[in-house]
């Protein structure tokens, strides 16, 4: 399937990132949101994203103004999707909202249009009953910032066609993304399930008085986080002893003690909320810089890290 015209429905942080990526690759893009005010804010974010990409030589042969010229705006969903080959929806993660938006997109988009959702934990199977062409509906979950981080998770629903999965994967690869296709649906997919486990334990360590948010962030970033771009959990286990079988045979007893004492709650305790907010607000970086400044610093570091990783892969 040839994709030329793209629509972004929902132009918040995620939608703006997607729009910047699509336009930077030369695609014609329509962004849609509920008001002109929201669209103006989105264009400001997109301009900022494109400026960052240009500064870091990520725009290819184009420039900011050329990329911005490829973007049009509207508050009307049917108008936005009428000529789209691919739609990336990025509205709030709520089934009722998603179903309403997908029903409207499904009724106005050409039958061949792929309808993709940026949902971070919902199941496409639950959204598909709202549409007449469920075979073209698919989840494409990005990592923030979506215009920089390569990985996207792709998950079809029960009625998603294999052709839609294959076309979506091919399109993401063409964009320079690294797609990971799930074999079956699961809430939270891969990344957010791993992240949810990490976040719960980090919050609980603060709530139990074990360490401050700053010390926990330091332990992660200068410890396992430092290895994470190179070795994932399974390769890490494989390297810890004499291979993965040896690790599972000889290290599980010590892990059992850890698992038995780890948090299992599914609602954050009120005491933890207070401790985490106060502790995070006292972090040195948080006290010295605004959210925008921290995001900019994070993006600069991400680009440096990605370039280092690419150099390593080419050796």
Protein backbone atom coordinates (compact mmCIF):
# COMPACT_ATOMS: atom_id res chain seq x y z
CA UNK A 1 0.00 0.00 0.00
CA UNK A 2 1.32 3.44 -0.94
CA UNK A 3 1.02 6.11 1.75
CA UNK A 4 1.25 9.78 0.78
CA UNK A 5 -1.34 11.70 2.80
CA UNK A 6 -1.37 11.46 6.58
CA UNK A 7 -3.79 12.76 9.20
CA UNK A 8 -3.09 13.23 12.90
CA UNK A 9 -6.32 13.23 14.92
CA UNK A 10 -5.55 14.76 18.30
CA UNK A 11 -2.67 17.24 18.37
CA UNK A 12 -1.40 17.13 21.94
CA UNK A 13 2.17 16.17 22.84
CA UNK A 14 2.02 12.79 21.08
CA UNK A 15 0.10 14.04 18.05
CA UNK A 16 2.49 16.97 17.65
CA UNK A 17 5.49 14.63 17.78
CA UNK A 18 3.94 12.41 15.11
CA UNK A 19 3.14 15.40 12.89
CA UNK A 20 6.73 16.65 13.14
CA UNK A 21 8.06 13.22 12.18
CA UNK A 22 5.66 12.75 9.25
CA UNK A 23 6.27 16.22 7.79
CA UNK A 24 10.05 15.88 8.26
CA UNK A 25 9.91 12.79 6.03
CA UNK A 26 8.18 14.74 3.27
CA UNK A 27 4.57 13.65 3.81
CA UNK A 28 1.54 15.90 3.46
CA UNK A 29 -0.04 16.10 6.92
CA UNK A 30 -3.38 17.32 8.26
CA UNK A 31 -3.62 17.78 12.03
CA UNK A 32 -7.00 17.90 13.75
CA UNK A 33 -8.06 18.96 17.21
CA UNK A 34 -11.14 20.39 18.92
CA UNK A 35 -10.31 24.10 18.67
CA UNK A 36 -8.18 26.61 16.79
CA UNK A 37 -6.43 27.43 20.06
CA UNK A 38 -5.31 23.82 20.51
CA UNK A 39 -4.15 23.71 16.90
CA UNK A 40 -2.10 26.89 17.35
CA UNK A 41 -0.40 25.36 20.39
CA UNK A 42 0.25 22.20 18.38
CA UNK A 43 1.86 24.16 15.55
CA UNK A 44 4.13 25.83 18.10
CA UNK A 45 5.22 22.43 19.44
CA UNK A 46 5.72 21.10 15.91
CA UNK A 47 7.84 24.11 14.96
CA UNK A 48 9.93 23.57 18.08
CA UNK A 49 10.32 19.85 17.32
CA UNK A 50 11.34 20.55 13.73
CA UNK A 51 13.78 23.23 14.87
CA UNK A 52 15.40 20.73 17.21
CA UNK A 53 15.57 18.15 14.42
CA UNK A 54 17.13 20.66 12.02
CA UNK A 55 19.68 21.70 14.64
CA UNK A 56 20.67 18.05 15.05
CA UNK A 57 20.73 17.21 11.31
CA UNK A 58 17.61 15.04 11.51
CA UNK A 59 15.58 16.78 8.79
CA UNK A 60 17.46 15.33 5.84
CA UNK A 61 17.46 17.64 2.83
CA UNK A 62 14.54 19.74 4.08
CA UNK A 63 14.25 22.58 6.56
CA UNK A 64 11.75 23.75 9.16
CA UNK A 65 9.72 26.00 6.87
CA UNK A 66 9.49 23.37 4.13
CA UNK A 67 8.26 20.80 6.65
CA UNK A 68 5.76 23.22 8.19
CA UNK A 69 4.41 24.05 4.73
CA UNK A 70 3.31 20.41 4.41
CA UNK A 71 1.01 20.72 7.45
CA UNK A 72 -2.61 21.87 7.31
CA UNK A 73 -5.06 22.16 10.21
CA UNK A 74 -8.76 21.60 10.82
CA UNK A 75 -11.16 21.10 13.73
CA UNK A 76 -13.33 18.74 11.67
CA UNK A 77 -12.55 15.00 11.77
CA UNK A 78 -14.41 14.04 8.55
CA UNK A 79 -12.59 16.79 6.65
CA UNK A 80 -9.27 15.72 8.17
CA UNK A 81 -9.53 12.07 7.13
CA UNK A 82 -11.39 12.42 3.80
CA UNK A 83 -8.26 11.93 1.66
CA UNK A 84 -5.96 10.23 4.15
CA UNK A 85 -4.01 7.08 3.37
CA UNK A 86 -2.99 6.70 7.01
CA UNK A 87 -4.49 8.20 10.18
CA UNK A 88 -2.65 8.37 13.51
CA UNK A 89 -5.15 9.02 16.32
CA UNK A 90 -3.75 10.41 19.58
CA UNK A 91 -6.76 11.37 21.71
CA UNK A 92 -6.97 10.56 25.48
CA UNK A 93 -6.66 6.91 26.55
CA UNK A 94 -10.35 6.31 27.24
CA UNK A 95 -12.42 3.64 25.51
CA UNK A 96 -15.52 5.80 25.09
CA UNK A 97 -13.54 8.67 23.58
CA UNK A 98 -11.58 6.32 21.30
CA UNK A 99 -14.74 4.54 20.10
CA UNK A 100 -16.47 7.83 19.31
CA UNK A 101 -13.45 9.12 17.36
CA UNK A 102 -12.90 5.83 15.51
CA UNK A 103 -16.57 5.68 14.52
CA UNK A 104 -16.32 9.19 13.08
CA UNK A 105 -13.05 8.44 11.26
CA UNK A 106 -14.40 5.15 9.92
CA UNK A 107 -17.44 6.88 8.48
CA UNK A 108 -15.45 9.51 6.57
CA UNK A 109 -12.12 7.94 5.56
CA UNK A 110 -11.66 5.97 2.32
CA UNK A 111 -12.10 2.23 2.81
CA UNK A 112 -8.38 1.63 2.17
CA UNK A 113 -7.21 4.06 4.88
CA UNK A 114 -5.32 2.57 7.83
CA UNK A 115 -6.73 3.83 11.14
CA UNK A 116 -3.99 3.66 13.78
CA UNK A 117 -4.18 4.55 17.46
CA UNK A 118 -1.40 5.86 19.70
CA UNK A 119 -3.12 4.28 22.74
CA UNK A 120 -0.69 3.42 25.51
CA UNK A 121 -2.57 0.55 27.12
CA UNK A 122 -5.99 -0.05 25.56
CA UNK A 123 -6.93 -3.03 23.39
CA UNK A 124 -7.94 -2.53 19.76
CA UNK A 125 -10.37 -5.44 20.05
CA UNK A 126 -12.43 -3.31 22.44
CA UNK A 127 -12.49 -0.37 19.99
CA UNK A 128 -13.27 -2.32 16.80
CA UNK A 129 -17.02 -2.86 17.49
CA UNK A 130 -17.48 0.90 16.94
CA UNK A 131 -16.43 0.72 13.26
CA UNK A 132 -17.70 -0.89 10.06
CA UNK A 133 -14.23 -1.82 8.76
CA UNK A 134 -12.39 -3.27 11.79
CA UNK A 135 -9.80 -5.00 9.62
CA UNK A 136 -8.02 -1.67 9.01
CA UNK A 137 -7.78 -0.64 12.68
CA UNK A 138 -4.49 -1.10 14.53
CA UNK A 139 -2.53 0.11 17.54
CA UNK A 140 0.75 1.92 16.91
CA UNK A 141 2.15 2.97 20.27
CA UNK A 142 5.16 5.33 20.22
CA UNK A 143 7.67 6.15 22.94
CA UNK A 144 7.98 9.82 23.91
CA UNK A 145 9.35 11.88 22.30
CA UNK A 146 7.78 10.13 19.32
CA UNK A 147 9.75 12.10 16.73
CA UNK A 148 13.06 10.89 18.22
CA UNK A 149 12.71 7.48 19.92
CA UNK A 150 12.79 4.73 17.27
CA UNK A 151 10.68 2.01 18.89
CA UNK A 152 6.97 1.66 18.14
CA UNK A 153 4.76 -1.17 19.36
CA UNK A 154 2.27 -2.53 16.83
CA UNK A 155 -0.72 -4.58 17.97
CA UNK A 156 -3.69 -5.68 15.93
CA UNK A 157 -7.10 -6.41 17.38
CA UNK A 158 -9.05 -9.62 16.90
CA UNK A 159 -10.36 -8.40 13.52
CA UNK A 160 -7.26 -6.57 12.26
CA UNK A 161 -6.08 -8.00 8.94
CA UNK A 162 -2.59 -9.36 8.41
CA UNK A 163 -2.33 -6.95 5.47
CA UNK A 164 -2.93 -3.97 7.79
CA UNK A 165 -0.25 -5.22 10.19
CA UNK A 166 2.25 -5.75 7.37
CA UNK A 167 1.53 -2.38 5.72
CA UNK A 168 1.80 -0.56 9.04
CA UNK A 169 5.06 -2.26 9.90
CA UNK A 170 6.49 -1.41 6.47
CA UNK A 171 5.40 2.22 6.80
CA UNK A 172 6.98 2.56 10.25
CA UNK A 173 10.25 1.14 8.92
CA UNK A 174 10.13 3.64 6.05
CA UNK A 175 9.86 6.41 8.66
CA UNK A 176 13.02 5.11 10.32
CA UNK A 177 11.17 3.53 13.23
CA UNK A 178 11.96 0.20 14.86
CA UNK A 179 8.62 -1.64 15.00
CA UNK A 180 7.94 -4.43 17.48
CA UNK A 181 4.83 -6.44 16.56
CA UNK A 182 3.00 -8.11 19.44
CA UNK A 183 1.95 -11.74 18.90
CA UNK A 184 -1.18 -11.19 20.99
CA UNK A 185 -3.01 -8.32 22.67
CA UNK A 186 -2.25 -7.43 26.27
CA UNK A 187 -3.05 -4.29 28.24
CA UNK A 188 -0.05 -1.95 28.32
CA UNK A 189 1.73 -3.88 25.55
CA UNK A 190 5.46 -4.49 26.24
CA UNK A 191 7.10 -1.20 27.18
CA UNK A 192 4.41 0.13 29.48
CA UNK A 193 4.05 -3.18 31.33
CA UNK A 194 7.79 -3.20 32.03
CA UNK A 195 7.61 0.49 32.92
CA UNK A 196 4.61 -0.06 35.22
CA UNK A 197 6.53 -2.68 37.22
CA UNK A 198 9.55 -0.37 37.52
CA UNK A 199 7.47 2.67 38.49
CA UNK A 200 5.54 0.79 41.18
CA UNK A 201 8.72 -0.47 42.81
CA UNK A 202 10.37 2.97 42.60
CA UNK A 203 7.35 4.62 44.24
CA UNK A 204 7.22 1.94 46.93
CA UNK A 205 10.92 2.37 47.77
CA UNK A 206 10.26 6.07 48.38
CA UNK A 207 7.12 5.32 50.41
CA UNK A 208 9.04 2.81 52.56
CA UNK A 209 11.74 5.39 53.25
CA UNK A 210 14.45 3.34 51.54
CA UNK A 211 15.74 6.17 49.33
CA UNK A 212 14.81 9.53 47.82
CA UNK A 213 13.49 9.97 44.27
CA UNK A 214 16.81 11.57 43.30
CA UNK A 215 18.87 8.66 44.65
CA UNK A 216 16.60 6.11 42.96
CA UNK A 217 16.88 7.96 39.64
CA UNK A 218 20.66 8.04 40.08
CA UNK A 219 20.80 4.31 40.87
CA UNK A 220 18.78 3.58 37.75
CA UNK A 221 20.51 5.96 35.33
CA UNK A 222 24.03 5.13 36.47
CA UNK A 223 23.28 1.42 36.99
CA UNK A 224 20.88 -0.80 35.06
CA UNK A 225 19.74 2.13 32.93
CA UNK A 226 23.28 2.56 31.64
CA UNK A 227 23.22 -1.00 30.29
CA UNK A 228 19.65 -0.89 28.98
CA UNK A 229 20.41 0.54 25.51
CA UNK A 230 22.85 -2.33 24.98
CA UNK A 231 21.32 -5.34 26.75
CA UNK A 232 17.64 -5.97 27.44
CA UNK A 233 16.43 -8.16 30.34
CA UNK A 234 16.97 -11.48 28.60
CA UNK A 235 20.45 -10.78 27.25
CA UNK A 236 21.30 -9.36 30.67
CA UNK A 237 20.30 -12.66 32.31
CA UNK A 238 22.20 -14.58 29.65
CA UNK A 239 25.39 -12.63 30.46
CA UNK A 240 25.03 -12.79 34.25
CA UNK A 241 26.34 -16.33 34.55
CA UNK A 242 27.08 -19.13 32.12
CA UNK A 243 24.10 -18.43 29.91
CA UNK A 244 20.35 -18.10 30.38
CA UNK A 245 19.78 -21.70 31.52
CA UNK A 246 22.47 -21.32 34.20
CA UNK A 247 20.95 -18.05 35.37
CA UNK A 248 17.46 -19.54 35.72
CA UNK A 249 18.85 -22.59 37.52
CA UNK A 250 21.09 -20.77 40.01
CA UNK A 251 19.81 -17.23 40.63
CA UNK A 252 16.07 -17.68 41.11
CA UNK A 253 16.25 -18.36 44.85
CA UNK A 254 17.77 -14.95 45.55
CA UNK A 255 15.19 -13.36 43.27
CA UNK A 256 12.38 -15.14 45.15
CA UNK A 257 13.36 -13.28 48.33
CA UNK A 258 13.19 -9.99 46.44
CA UNK A 259 9.86 -10.74 44.78
CA UNK A 260 8.31 -11.74 48.10
CA UNK A 261 9.09 -8.32 49.60
CA UNK A 262 8.15 -6.22 46.57
CA UNK A 263 5.01 -4.10 46.23
CA UNK A 264 1.82 -5.64 44.82
CA UNK A 265 -0.63 -2.73 45.22
CA UNK A 266 -2.58 -1.47 42.20
CA UNK A 267 -3.52 1.94 43.66
CA UNK A 268 -0.76 4.31 44.78
CA UNK A 269 -0.94 4.79 48.58
CA UNK A 270 -1.71 8.41 49.64
CA UNK A 271 1.47 8.46 51.73
CA UNK A 272 3.48 7.56 48.63
CA UNK A 273 1.92 10.37 46.57
CA UNK A 274 3.00 12.94 49.14
CA UNK A 275 6.52 11.52 49.50
CA UNK A 276 7.08 11.18 45.74
CA UNK A 277 5.83 14.68 44.89
CA UNK A 278 7.85 16.34 47.64
CA UNK A 279 10.95 14.30 46.85
CA UNK A 280 10.79 14.88 43.10
CA UNK A 281 10.27 18.61 43.54
CA UNK A 282 13.46 18.67 45.63
CA UNK A 283 15.58 17.04 42.91
CA UNK A 284 18.44 19.32 41.88
CA UNK A 285 17.55 19.36 38.17
CA UNK A 286 13.86 19.97 38.90
CA UNK A 287 14.68 22.94 41.13
CA UNK A 288 17.08 24.49 38.61
CA UNK A 289 15.19 24.06 35.33
CA UNK A 290 11.66 24.34 33.96
CA UNK A 291 9.80 21.37 32.45
CA UNK A 292 10.52 22.74 28.96
CA UNK A 293 14.22 23.06 29.75
CA UNK A 294 14.40 19.52 31.14
CA UNK A 295 12.61 18.13 28.08
CA UNK A 296 15.05 19.97 25.81
CA UNK A 297 18.02 18.58 27.77
CA UNK A 298 16.50 15.08 27.62
CA UNK A 299 16.07 15.33 23.85
CA UNK A 300 19.66 16.52 23.37
CA UNK A 301 20.92 13.56 25.41
CA UNK A 302 18.69 11.16 23.48
CA UNK A 303 20.14 12.26 20.15
CA UNK A 304 23.70 11.82 21.47
CA UNK A 305 22.83 8.37 22.81
CA UNK A 306 21.13 7.29 19.58
CA UNK A 307 24.14 8.38 17.53
CA UNK A 308 26.49 6.45 19.81
CA UNK A 309 24.30 3.36 19.49
CA UNK A 310 24.17 3.66 15.69
CA UNK A 311 27.96 3.96 15.53
CA UNK A 312 28.24 0.82 17.64
CA UNK A 313 25.85 -1.12 15.41
CA UNK A 314 27.86 -0.17 12.32
CA UNK A 315 31.14 -1.53 13.70
